All heavy atoms as atom14 arrays in JSON, in Angstrom:
{
  "sequence": "NLIIHEALRMQPATPVSRPTSAAVRITMSFMELLEKQFPVIAPSQ",
  "atom14_mask": [
    [1, 1, 1, 1, 1, 1, 1, 1, 0, 0, 0, 0, 0, 0],
    [1, 1, 1, 1, 1, 1, 1, 1, 0, 0, 0, 0, 0, 0],
    [1, 1, 1, 1, 1, 1, 1, 1, 0, 0, 0, 0, 0, 0],
    [1, 1, 1, 1, 1, 1, 1, 1, 0, 0, 0, 0, 0, 0],
    [1, 1, 1, 1, 1, 1, 1, 1, 1, 1, 0, 0, 0, 0],
    [1, 1, 1, 1, 1, 1, 1, 1, 1, 0, 0, 0, 0, 0],
    [1, 1, 1, 1, 1, 0, 0, 0, 0, 0, 0, 0, 0, 0],
    [1, 1, 1, 1, 1, 1, 1, 1, 0, 0, 0, 0, 0, 0],
    [1, 1, 1, 1, 1, 1, 1, 1, 1, 1, 1, 0, 0, 0],
    [1, 1, 1, 1, 1, 1, 1, 1, 0, 0, 0, 0, 0, 0],
    [1, 1, 1, 1, 1, 1, 1, 1, 1, 0, 0, 0, 0, 0],
    [1, 1, 1, 1, 1, 1, 1, 0, 0, 0, 0, 0, 0, 0],
    [1, 1, 1, 1, 1, 0, 0, 0, 0, 0, 0, 0, 0, 0],
    [1, 1, 1, 1, 1, 1, 1, 0, 0, 0, 0, 0, 0, 0],
    [1, 1, 1, 1, 1, 1, 1, 0, 0, 0, 0, 0, 0, 0],
    [1, 1, 1, 1, 1, 1, 1, 0, 0, 0, 0, 0, 0, 0],
    [1, 1, 1, 1, 1, 1, 0, 0, 0, 0, 0, 0, 0, 0],
    [1, 1, 1, 1, 1, 1, 1, 1, 1, 1, 1, 0, 0, 0],
    [1, 1, 1, 1, 1, 1, 1, 0, 0, 0, 0, 0, 0, 0],
    [1, 1, 1, 1, 1, 1, 1, 0, 0, 0, 0, 0, 0, 0],
    [1, 1, 1, 1, 1, 1, 0, 0, 0, 0, 0, 0, 0, 0],
    [1, 1, 1, 1, 1, 0, 0, 0, 0, 0, 0, 0, 0, 0],
    [1, 1, 1, 1, 1, 0, 0, 0, 0, 0, 0, 0, 0, 0],
    [1, 1, 1, 1, 1, 1, 1, 0, 0, 0, 0, 0, 0, 0],
    [1, 1, 1, 1, 1, 1, 1, 1, 1, 1, 1, 0, 0, 0],
    [1, 1, 1, 1, 1, 1, 1, 1, 0, 0, 0, 0, 0, 0],
    [1, 1, 1, 1, 1, 1, 1, 0, 0, 0, 0, 0, 0, 0],
    [1, 1, 1, 1, 1, 1, 1, 1, 0, 0, 0, 0, 0, 0],
    [1, 1, 1, 1, 1, 1, 0, 0, 0, 0, 0, 0, 0, 0],
    [1, 1, 1, 1, 1, 1, 1, 1, 1, 1, 1, 0, 0, 0],
    [1, 1, 1, 1, 1, 1, 1, 1, 0, 0, 0, 0, 0, 0],
    [1, 1, 1, 1, 1, 1, 1, 1, 1, 0, 0, 0, 0, 0],
    [1, 1, 1, 1, 1, 1, 1, 1, 0, 0, 0, 0, 0, 0],
    [1, 1, 1, 1, 1, 1, 1, 1, 0, 0, 0, 0, 0, 0],
    [1, 1, 1, 1, 1, 1, 1, 1, 1, 0, 0, 0, 0, 0],
    [1, 1, 1, 1, 1, 1, 1, 1, 1, 0, 0, 0, 0, 0],
    [1, 1, 1, 1, 1, 1, 1, 1, 1, 0, 0, 0, 0, 0],
    [1, 1, 1, 1, 1, 1, 1, 1, 1, 1, 1, 0, 0, 0],
    [1, 1, 1, 1, 1, 1, 1, 0, 0, 0, 0, 0, 0, 0],
    [1, 1, 1, 1, 1, 1, 1, 0, 0, 0, 0, 0, 0, 0],
    [1, 1, 1, 1, 1, 1, 1, 1, 0, 0, 0, 0, 0, 0],
    [1, 1, 1, 1, 1, 0, 0, 0, 0, 0, 0, 0, 0, 0],
    [1, 1, 1, 1, 1, 1, 1, 0, 0, 0, 0, 0, 0, 0],
    [1, 1, 1, 1, 1, 1, 0, 0, 0, 0, 0, 0, 0, 0],
    [1, 1, 1, 1, 1, 1, 1, 1, 1, 0, 0, 0, 0, 0]
  ],
  "atom14_positions": [
    [[0.82, -1.21, 0.0], [0.0, 0.0, 0.0], [0.85, 1.26, 0.0], [0.49, 2.27, -0.63], [-0.94, 0.0, 1.21], [-2.2, -0.8, 0.96], [-2.81, -0.7, -0.1], [-2.6, -1.61, 1.93], [0.0, 0.0, 0.0], [0.0, 0.0, 0.0], [0.0, 0.0, 0.0], [0.0, 0.0, 0.0], [0.0, 0.0, 0.0], [0.0, 0.0, 0.0]],
    [[1.99, 1.23, 0.69], [2.88, 2.39, 0.68], [3.43, 2.65, -0.71], [3.52, 3.8, -1.16], [4.03, 2.16, 1.67], [3.71, 2.38, 3.14], [4.89, 1.93, 4.02], [3.38, 3.85, 3.42], [0.0, 0.0, 0.0], [0.0, 0.0, 0.0], [0.0, 0.0, 0.0], [0.0, 0.0, 0.0], [0.0, 0.0, 0.0], [0.0, 0.0, 0.0]],
    [[3.78, 1.58, -1.43], [4.25, 1.74, -2.82], [3.16, 2.34, -3.69], [3.4, 3.26, -4.49], [4.72, 0.39, -3.38], [5.99, -0.07, -2.67], [4.97, 0.49, -4.9], [6.43, -1.49, -3.02], [0.0, 0.0, 0.0], [0.0, 0.0, 0.0], [0.0, 0.0, 0.0], [0.0, 0.0, 0.0], [0.0, 0.0, 0.0], [0.0, 0.0, 0.0]],
    [[1.93, 1.83, -3.54], [0.81, 2.35, -4.32], [0.59, 3.83, -4.02], [0.41, 4.65, -4.93], [-0.46, 1.53, -4.03], [-0.33, 0.13, -4.62], [-1.7, 2.23, -4.6], [-1.42, -0.83, -4.21], [0.0, 0.0, 0.0], [0.0, 0.0, 0.0], [0.0, 0.0, 0.0], [0.0, 0.0, 0.0], [0.0, 0.0, 0.0], [0.0, 0.0, 0.0]],
    [[0.66, 4.19, -2.74], [0.44, 5.6, -2.38], [1.58, 6.5, -2.82], [1.36, 7.67, -3.17], [0.2, 5.72, -0.88], [-1.18, 5.3, -0.48], [-2.31, 6.04, -0.79], [-1.64, 4.2, 0.18], [-3.39, 5.43, -0.33], [-3.01, 4.31, 0.26], [0.0, 0.0, 0.0], [0.0, 0.0, 0.0], [0.0, 0.0, 0.0], [0.0, 0.0, 0.0]],
    [[2.81, 5.97, -2.84], [3.92, 6.75, -3.37], [3.67, 7.09, -4.84], [3.95, 8.2, -5.29], [5.24, 5.98, -3.22], [5.81, 5.99, -1.83], [6.17, 7.39, -1.37], [6.79, 8.15, -2.14], [5.83, 7.75, -0.22], [0.0, 0.0, 0.0], [0.0, 0.0, 0.0], [0.0, 0.0, 0.0], [0.0, 0.0, 0.0], [0.0, 0.0, 0.0]],
    [[3.16, 6.11, -5.6], [2.86, 6.35, -7.01], [1.69, 7.31, -7.17], [1.69, 8.18, -8.05], [2.56, 5.03, -7.71], [0.0, 0.0, 0.0], [0.0, 0.0, 0.0], [0.0, 0.0, 0.0], [0.0, 0.0, 0.0], [0.0, 0.0, 0.0], [0.0, 0.0, 0.0], [0.0, 0.0, 0.0], [0.0, 0.0, 0.0], [0.0, 0.0, 0.0]],
    [[0.67, 7.18, -6.33], [-0.49, 8.07, -6.41], [-0.11, 9.51, -6.14], [-0.72, 10.44, -6.69], [-1.57, 7.61, -5.43], [-2.33, 6.34, -5.8], [-3.23, 5.9, -4.66], [-3.14, 6.54, -7.08], [0.0, 0.0, 0.0], [0.0, 0.0, 0.0], [0.0, 0.0, 0.0], [0.0, 0.0, 0.0], [0.0, 0.0, 0.0], [0.0, 0.0, 0.0]],
    [[0.89, 9.73, -5.28], [1.35, 11.09, -5.02], [1.83, 11.77, -6.3], [1.77, 12.99, -6.44], [2.53, 11.09, -4.04], [2.24, 10.72, -2.62], [3.54, 10.78, -1.84], [3.5, 10.05, -0.6], [3.07, 10.55, 0.55], [2.65, 11.8, 0.6], [3.07, 9.81, 1.65], [0.0, 0.0, 0.0], [0.0, 0.0, 0.0], [0.0, 0.0, 0.0]],
    [[2.37, 10.96, -7.21], [2.95, 11.5, -8.44], [1.91, 11.73, -9.52], [2.2, 12.32, -10.56], [4.03, 10.54, -8.96], [5.08, 10.19, -7.95], [6.13, 8.82, -8.53], [6.76, 8.19, -6.97], [0.0, 0.0, 0.0], [0.0, 0.0, 0.0], [0.0, 0.0, 0.0], [0.0, 0.0, 0.0], [0.0, 0.0, 0.0], [0.0, 0.0, 0.0]],
    [[0.68, 11.22, -9.31], [-0.37, 11.38, -10.3], [-0.99, 12.76, -10.17], [-1.12, 13.29, -9.07], [-1.46, 10.32, -10.1], [-0.97, 8.89, -10.22], [-0.54, 8.55, -11.62], [-1.22, 8.88, -12.58], [0.59, 7.89, -11.75], [0.0, 0.0, 0.0], [0.0, 0.0, 0.0], [0.0, 0.0, 0.0], [0.0, 0.0, 0.0], [0.0, 0.0, 0.0]],
    [[-1.37, 13.4, -11.28], [-2.06, 14.69, -11.19], [-3.38, 14.55, -10.45], [-4.11, 13.58, -10.64], [-2.28, 15.1, -12.66], [-2.19, 13.81, -13.42], [-1.22, 12.95, -12.66], [0.0, 0.0, 0.0], [0.0, 0.0, 0.0], [0.0, 0.0, 0.0], [0.0, 0.0, 0.0], [0.0, 0.0, 0.0], [0.0, 0.0, 0.0], [0.0, 0.0, 0.0]],
    [[-3.67, 15.5, -9.59], [-4.9, 15.46, -8.79], [-6.05, 16.01, -9.62], [-6.29, 17.21, -9.66], [-4.73, 16.27, -7.51], [0.0, 0.0, 0.0], [0.0, 0.0, 0.0], [0.0, 0.0, 0.0], [0.0, 0.0, 0.0], [0.0, 0.0, 0.0], [0.0, 0.0, 0.0], [0.0, 0.0, 0.0], [0.0, 0.0, 0.0], [0.0, 0.0, 0.0]],
    [[-6.76, 15.13, -10.32], [-7.89, 15.55, -11.13], [-9.16, 14.99, -10.54], [-9.25, 13.79, -10.27], [-7.74, 15.02, -12.59], [-7.54, 13.61, -12.55], [-6.54, 15.67, -13.26], [0.0, 0.0, 0.0], [0.0, 0.0, 0.0], [0.0, 0.0, 0.0], [0.0, 0.0, 0.0], [0.0, 0.0, 0.0], [0.0, 0.0, 0.0], [0.0, 0.0, 0.0]],
    [[-10.15, 15.86, -10.33], [-11.4, 15.36, -9.76], [-12.12, 14.45, -10.74], [-12.26, 14.77, -11.92], [-12.21, 16.64, -9.52], [-11.63, 17.64, -10.47], [-10.18, 17.29, -10.62], [0.0, 0.0, 0.0], [0.0, 0.0, 0.0], [0.0, 0.0, 0.0], [0.0, 0.0, 0.0], [0.0, 0.0, 0.0], [0.0, 0.0, 0.0], [0.0, 0.0, 0.0]],
    [[-12.53, 13.29, -10.28], [-13.25, 12.35, -11.13], [-14.47, 11.86, -10.38], [-14.51, 11.8, -9.16], [-12.37, 11.13, -11.51], [-11.21, 11.56, -12.37], [-11.86, 10.42, -10.25], [0.0, 0.0, 0.0], [0.0, 0.0, 0.0], [0.0, 0.0, 0.0], [0.0, 0.0, 0.0], [0.0, 0.0, 0.0], [0.0, 0.0, 0.0], [0.0, 0.0, 0.0]],
    [[-15.5, 11.53, -11.13], [-16.69, 10.94, -10.53], [-16.47, 9.44, -10.46], [-16.04, 8.83, -11.43], [-17.93, 11.26, -11.36], [-17.79, 10.76, -12.67], [0.0, 0.0, 0.0], [0.0, 0.0, 0.0], [0.0, 0.0, 0.0], [0.0, 0.0, 0.0], [0.0, 0.0, 0.0], [0.0, 0.0, 0.0], [0.0, 0.0, 0.0], [0.0, 0.0, 0.0]],
    [[-16.71, 8.83, -9.32], [-16.47, 7.41, -9.15], [-17.66, 6.61, -9.66], [-18.79, 6.85, -9.25], [-16.23, 7.1, -7.67], [-15.68, 5.72, -7.44], [-15.16, 5.59, -6.03], [-16.26, 5.57, -5.06], [-16.1, 5.82, -3.78], [-14.92, 6.15, -3.31], [-17.13, 5.77, -2.95], [0.0, 0.0, 0.0], [0.0, 0.0, 0.0], [0.0, 0.0, 0.0]],
    [[-17.43, 5.66, -10.55], [-18.54, 4.84, -11.05], [-19.16, 4.03, -9.92], [-18.53, 3.76, -8.9], [-17.84, 3.91, -12.07], [-16.53, 4.55, -12.36], [-16.15, 5.29, -11.12], [0.0, 0.0, 0.0], [0.0, 0.0, 0.0], [0.0, 0.0, 0.0], [0.0, 0.0, 0.0], [0.0, 0.0, 0.0], [0.0, 0.0, 0.0], [0.0, 0.0, 0.0]],
    [[-20.4, 3.65, -10.11], [-21.06, 2.81, -9.12], [-20.45, 1.42, -9.14], [-19.86, 0.99, -10.13], [-22.56, 2.69, -9.43], [-22.71, 2.0, -10.68], [-23.2, 4.06, -9.51], [0.0, 0.0, 0.0], [0.0, 0.0, 0.0], [0.0, 0.0, 0.0], [0.0, 0.0, 0.0], [0.0, 0.0, 0.0], [0.0, 0.0, 0.0], [0.0, 0.0, 0.0]],
    [[-20.59, 0.7, -8.04], [-20.06, -0.66, -7.98], [-20.72, -1.55, -9.02], [-20.1, -2.46, -9.56], [-20.25, -1.23, -6.58], [-21.61, -1.22, -6.21], [0.0, 0.0, 0.0], [0.0, 0.0, 0.0], [0.0, 0.0, 0.0], [0.0, 0.0, 0.0], [0.0, 0.0, 0.0], [0.0, 0.0, 0.0], [0.0, 0.0, 0.0], [0.0, 0.0, 0.0]],
    [[-22.01, -1.29, -9.31], [-22.7, -2.09, -10.33], [-22.07, -1.87, -11.7], [-21.87, -2.82, -12.47], [-24.18, -1.72, -10.37], [0.0, 0.0, 0.0], [0.0, 0.0, 0.0], [0.0, 0.0, 0.0], [0.0, 0.0, 0.0], [0.0, 0.0, 0.0], [0.0, 0.0, 0.0], [0.0, 0.0, 0.0], [0.0, 0.0, 0.0], [0.0, 0.0, 0.0]],
    [[-21.73, -0.62, -12.01], [-21.09, -0.31, -13.29], [-19.73, -0.98, -13.38], [-19.34, -1.5, -14.44], [-20.95, 1.19, -13.47], [0.0, 0.0, 0.0], [0.0, 0.0, 0.0], [0.0, 0.0, 0.0], [0.0, 0.0, 0.0], [0.0, 0.0, 0.0], [0.0, 0.0, 0.0], [0.0, 0.0, 0.0], [0.0, 0.0, 0.0], [0.0, 0.0, 0.0]],
    [[-18.99, -1.0, -12.27], [-17.68, -1.65, -12.26], [-17.83, -3.14, -12.49], [-17.1, -3.74, -13.28], [-16.96, -1.37, -10.92], [-15.69, -2.22, -10.81], [-16.61, 0.1, -10.78], [0.0, 0.0, 0.0], [0.0, 0.0, 0.0], [0.0, 0.0, 0.0], [0.0, 0.0, 0.0], [0.0, 0.0, 0.0], [0.0, 0.0, 0.0], [0.0, 0.0, 0.0]],
    [[-18.79, -3.76, -11.82], [-18.99, -5.2, -12.0], [-19.36, -5.54, -13.44], [-18.86, -6.51, -14.0], [-20.08, -5.7, -11.05], [-19.65, -5.78, -9.59], [-20.63, -6.61, -8.78], [-21.98, -6.05, -8.8], [-22.44, -5.16, -7.94], [-21.65, -4.7, -6.98], [-23.68, -4.71, -8.02], [0.0, 0.0, 0.0], [0.0, 0.0, 0.0], [0.0, 0.0, 0.0]],
    [[-20.23, -4.75, -14.03], [-20.64, -5.0, -15.42], [-19.44, -4.84, -16.35], [-19.22, -5.66, -17.26], [-21.77, -4.03, -15.83], [-23.06, -4.41, -15.1], [-21.98, -4.05, -17.34], [-24.17, -3.39, -15.26], [0.0, 0.0, 0.0], [0.0, 0.0, 0.0], [0.0, 0.0, 0.0], [0.0, 0.0, 0.0], [0.0, 0.0, 0.0], [0.0, 0.0, 0.0]],
    [[-18.65, -3.79, -16.12], [-17.49, -3.55, -16.98], [-16.47, -4.65, -16.85], [-15.89, -5.12, -17.85], [-16.85, -2.19, -16.63], [-17.82, -1.16, -16.79], [-15.66, -1.91, -17.54], [0.0, 0.0, 0.0], [0.0, 0.0, 0.0], [0.0, 0.0, 0.0], [0.0, 0.0, 0.0], [0.0, 0.0, 0.0], [0.0, 0.0, 0.0], [0.0, 0.0, 0.0]],
    [[-16.22, -5.1, -15.62], [-15.26, -6.18, -15.42], [-15.74, -7.47, -16.09], [-14.96, -8.21, -16.69], [-15.02, -6.43, -13.94], [-14.32, -5.29, -13.21], [-12.78, -4.78, -14.01], [-13.32, -3.29, -14.87], [0.0, 0.0, 0.0], [0.0, 0.0, 0.0], [0.0, 0.0, 0.0], [0.0, 0.0, 0.0], [0.0, 0.0, 0.0], [0.0, 0.0, 0.0]],
    [[-17.04, -7.73, -16.01], [-17.6, -8.92, -16.66], [-17.44, -8.82, -18.17], [-17.1, -9.81, -18.84], [-19.08, -9.07, -16.29], [-19.24, -9.31, -14.91], [0.0, 0.0, 0.0], [0.0, 0.0, 0.0], [0.0, 0.0, 0.0], [0.0, 0.0, 0.0], [0.0, 0.0, 0.0], [0.0, 0.0, 0.0], [0.0, 0.0, 0.0], [0.0, 0.0, 0.0]],
    [[-17.68, -7.62, -18.71], [-17.52, -7.42, -20.15], [-16.06, -7.61, -20.56], [-15.76, -8.31, -21.54], [-17.99, -6.02, -20.55], [-17.44, -5.55, -21.87], [-17.87, -6.13, -23.05], [-16.48, -4.56, -21.92], [-17.35, -5.72, -24.28], [-15.95, -4.14, -23.13], [-16.39, -4.72, -24.3], [0.0, 0.0, 0.0], [0.0, 0.0, 0.0], [0.0, 0.0, 0.0]],
    [[-15.12, -6.98, -19.81], [-13.71, -7.07, -20.18], [-13.2, -8.51, -20.08], [-12.42, -8.96, -20.92], [-12.88, -6.15, -19.28], [-13.19, -4.67, -19.43], [-12.93, -4.03, -21.1], [-11.17, -4.23, -21.3], [0.0, 0.0, 0.0], [0.0, 0.0, 0.0], [0.0, 0.0, 0.0], [0.0, 0.0, 0.0], [0.0, 0.0, 0.0], [0.0, 0.0, 0.0]],
    [[-13.65, -9.22, -19.06], [-13.24, -10.61, -18.92], [-13.79, -11.46, -20.05], [-13.09, -12.31, -20.61], [-13.71, -11.16, -17.57], [-13.22, -12.57, -17.3], [-13.53, -13.03, -15.89], [-14.16, -12.27, -15.13], [-13.12, -14.15, -15.55], [0.0, 0.0, 0.0], [0.0, 0.0, 0.0], [0.0, 0.0, 0.0], [0.0, 0.0, 0.0], [0.0, 0.0, 0.0]],
    [[-15.04, -11.21, -20.43], [-15.64, -11.95, -21.54], [-14.92, -11.63, -22.85], [-14.7, -12.52, -23.68], [-17.12, -11.57, -21.63], [-18.02, -12.42, -22.54], [-17.98, -13.89, -22.13], [-19.45, -11.89, -22.5], [0.0, 0.0, 0.0], [0.0, 0.0, 0.0], [0.0, 0.0, 0.0], [0.0, 0.0, 0.0], [0.0, 0.0, 0.0], [0.0, 0.0, 0.0]],
    [[-14.57, -10.36, -23.02], [-13.83, -9.96, -24.22], [-12.49, -10.69, -24.3], [-12.13, -11.25, -25.34], [-13.61, -8.44, -24.2], [-12.76, -7.84, -25.33], [-13.43, -8.06, -26.69], [-12.54, -6.35, -25.09], [0.0, 0.0, 0.0], [0.0, 0.0, 0.0], [0.0, 0.0, 0.0], [0.0, 0.0, 0.0], [0.0, 0.0, 0.0], [0.0, 0.0, 0.0]],
    [[-11.75, -10.71, -23.18], [-10.43, -11.33, -23.19], [-10.5, -12.84, -23.35], [-9.56, -13.45, -23.87], [-9.67, -10.97, -21.91], [-9.15, -9.55, -21.89], [-8.21, -9.26, -23.04], [-7.5, -10.18, -23.5], [-8.19, -8.11, -23.51], [0.0, 0.0, 0.0], [0.0, 0.0, 0.0], [0.0, 0.0, 0.0], [0.0, 0.0, 0.0], [0.0, 0.0, 0.0]],
    [[-11.61, -13.46, -22.91], [-11.73, -14.91, -23.03], [-11.8, -15.36, -24.48], [-11.58, -16.54, -24.78], [-12.97, -15.4, -22.28], [-12.78, -15.51, -20.78], [-14.01, -16.06, -20.09], [-13.78, -16.24, -18.6], [-15.0, -16.75, -17.91], [0.0, 0.0, 0.0], [0.0, 0.0, 0.0], [0.0, 0.0, 0.0], [0.0, 0.0, 0.0], [0.0, 0.0, 0.0]],
    [[-12.07, -14.45, -25.39], [-12.12, -14.82, -26.81], [-10.72, -14.91, -27.41], [-10.58, -15.35, -28.55], [-12.95, -13.8, -27.58], [-14.42, -13.79, -27.2], [-15.26, -13.33, -28.36], [-15.77, -14.11, -29.15], [-15.37, -12.01, -28.48], [0.0, 0.0, 0.0], [0.0, 0.0, 0.0], [0.0, 0.0, 0.0], [0.0, 0.0, 0.0], [0.0, 0.0, 0.0]],
    [[-9.72, -14.48, -26.67], [-8.35, -14.42, -27.18], [-7.42, -15.22, -26.26], [-7.73, -15.42, -25.09], [-7.91, -12.96, -27.28], [-8.81, -12.12, -28.13], [-9.82, -11.36, -27.55], [-8.65, -12.1, -29.51], [-10.66, -10.59, -28.34], [-9.49, -11.33, -30.3], [-10.5, -10.58, -29.71], [0.0, 0.0, 0.0], [0.0, 0.0, 0.0], [0.0, 0.0, 0.0]],
    [[-6.27, -15.65, -26.78], [-5.8, -15.47, -28.14], [-6.49, -16.41, -29.12], [-7.01, -17.46, -28.72], [-4.31, -15.81, -28.04], [-4.26, -16.82, -26.93], [-5.3, -16.37, -25.94], [0.0, 0.0, 0.0], [0.0, 0.0, 0.0], [0.0, 0.0, 0.0], [0.0, 0.0, 0.0], [0.0, 0.0, 0.0], [0.0, 0.0, 0.0], [0.0, 0.0, 0.0]],
    [[-6.5, -16.03, -30.39], [-7.01, -16.9, -31.45], [-5.88, -17.84, -31.83], [-4.8, -17.4, -32.23], [-7.45, -16.07, -32.67], [-7.88, -16.97, -33.81], [-8.57, -15.11, -32.29], [0.0, 0.0, 0.0], [0.0, 0.0, 0.0], [0.0, 0.0, 0.0], [0.0, 0.0, 0.0], [0.0, 0.0, 0.0], [0.0, 0.0, 0.0], [0.0, 0.0, 0.0]],
    [[-6.09, -19.13, -31.67], [-4.98, -20.09, -31.82], [-5.05, -20.92, -33.09], [-4.13, -21.66, -33.39], [-4.91, -21.03, -30.6], [-6.22, -21.81, -30.46], [-4.59, -20.25, -29.33], [-6.19, -22.84, -29.34], [0.0, 0.0, 0.0], [0.0, 0.0, 0.0], [0.0, 0.0, 0.0], [0.0, 0.0, 0.0], [0.0, 0.0, 0.0], [0.0, 0.0, 0.0]],
    [[-6.14, -20.8, -33.85], [-6.26, -21.58, -35.09], [-7.17, -20.83, -36.05], [-8.12, -20.16, -35.62], [-6.82, -22.97, -34.8], [0.0, 0.0, 0.0], [0.0, 0.0, 0.0], [0.0, 0.0, 0.0], [0.0, 0.0, 0.0], [0.0, 0.0, 0.0], [0.0, 0.0, 0.0], [0.0, 0.0, 0.0], [0.0, 0.0, 0.0], [0.0, 0.0, 0.0]],
    [[-6.91, -20.93, -37.35], [-7.76, -20.24, -38.33], [-9.22, -20.68, -38.26], [-10.11, -19.91, -38.61], [-7.14, -20.65, -39.68], [-5.72, -20.98, -39.37], [-5.75, -21.6, -37.99], [0.0, 0.0, 0.0], [0.0, 0.0, 0.0], [0.0, 0.0, 0.0], [0.0, 0.0, 0.0], [0.0, 0.0, 0.0], [0.0, 0.0, 0.0], [0.0, 0.0, 0.0]],
    [[-9.45, -21.89, -37.78], [-10.83, -22.39, -37.69], [-11.57, -21.84, -36.48], [-12.78, -22.05, -36.34], [-10.82, -23.92, -37.62], [-10.07, -24.37, -36.49], [0.0, 0.0, 0.0], [0.0, 0.0, 0.0], [0.0, 0.0, 0.0], [0.0, 0.0, 0.0], [0.0, 0.0, 0.0], [0.0, 0.0, 0.0], [0.0, 0.0, 0.0], [0.0, 0.0, 0.0]],
    [[-10.87, -21.16, -35.59], [-11.48, -20.61, -34.37], [-11.97, -19.2, -34.64], [-11.21, -18.25, -34.63], [-10.46, -20.58, -33.22], [-10.99, -19.91, -31.95], [-9.89, -19.61, -30.96], [-8.79, -20.13, -31.05], [-10.2, -18.73, -30.02], [0.0, 0.0, 0.0], [0.0, 0.0, 0.0], [0.0, 0.0, 0.0], [0.0, 0.0, 0.0], [0.0, 0.0, 0.0]]
  ]
}
């Protein structure tokens, strides 16, 4: 956590709106589903 916070100190402080936990869950499910299609290992796939 100290390493993470050291890096966060170096990030520009820009106000952002935090997505809802439901939006995060949906996005993670989408990204995981997207990645599960790869890599393409055969022309027939």
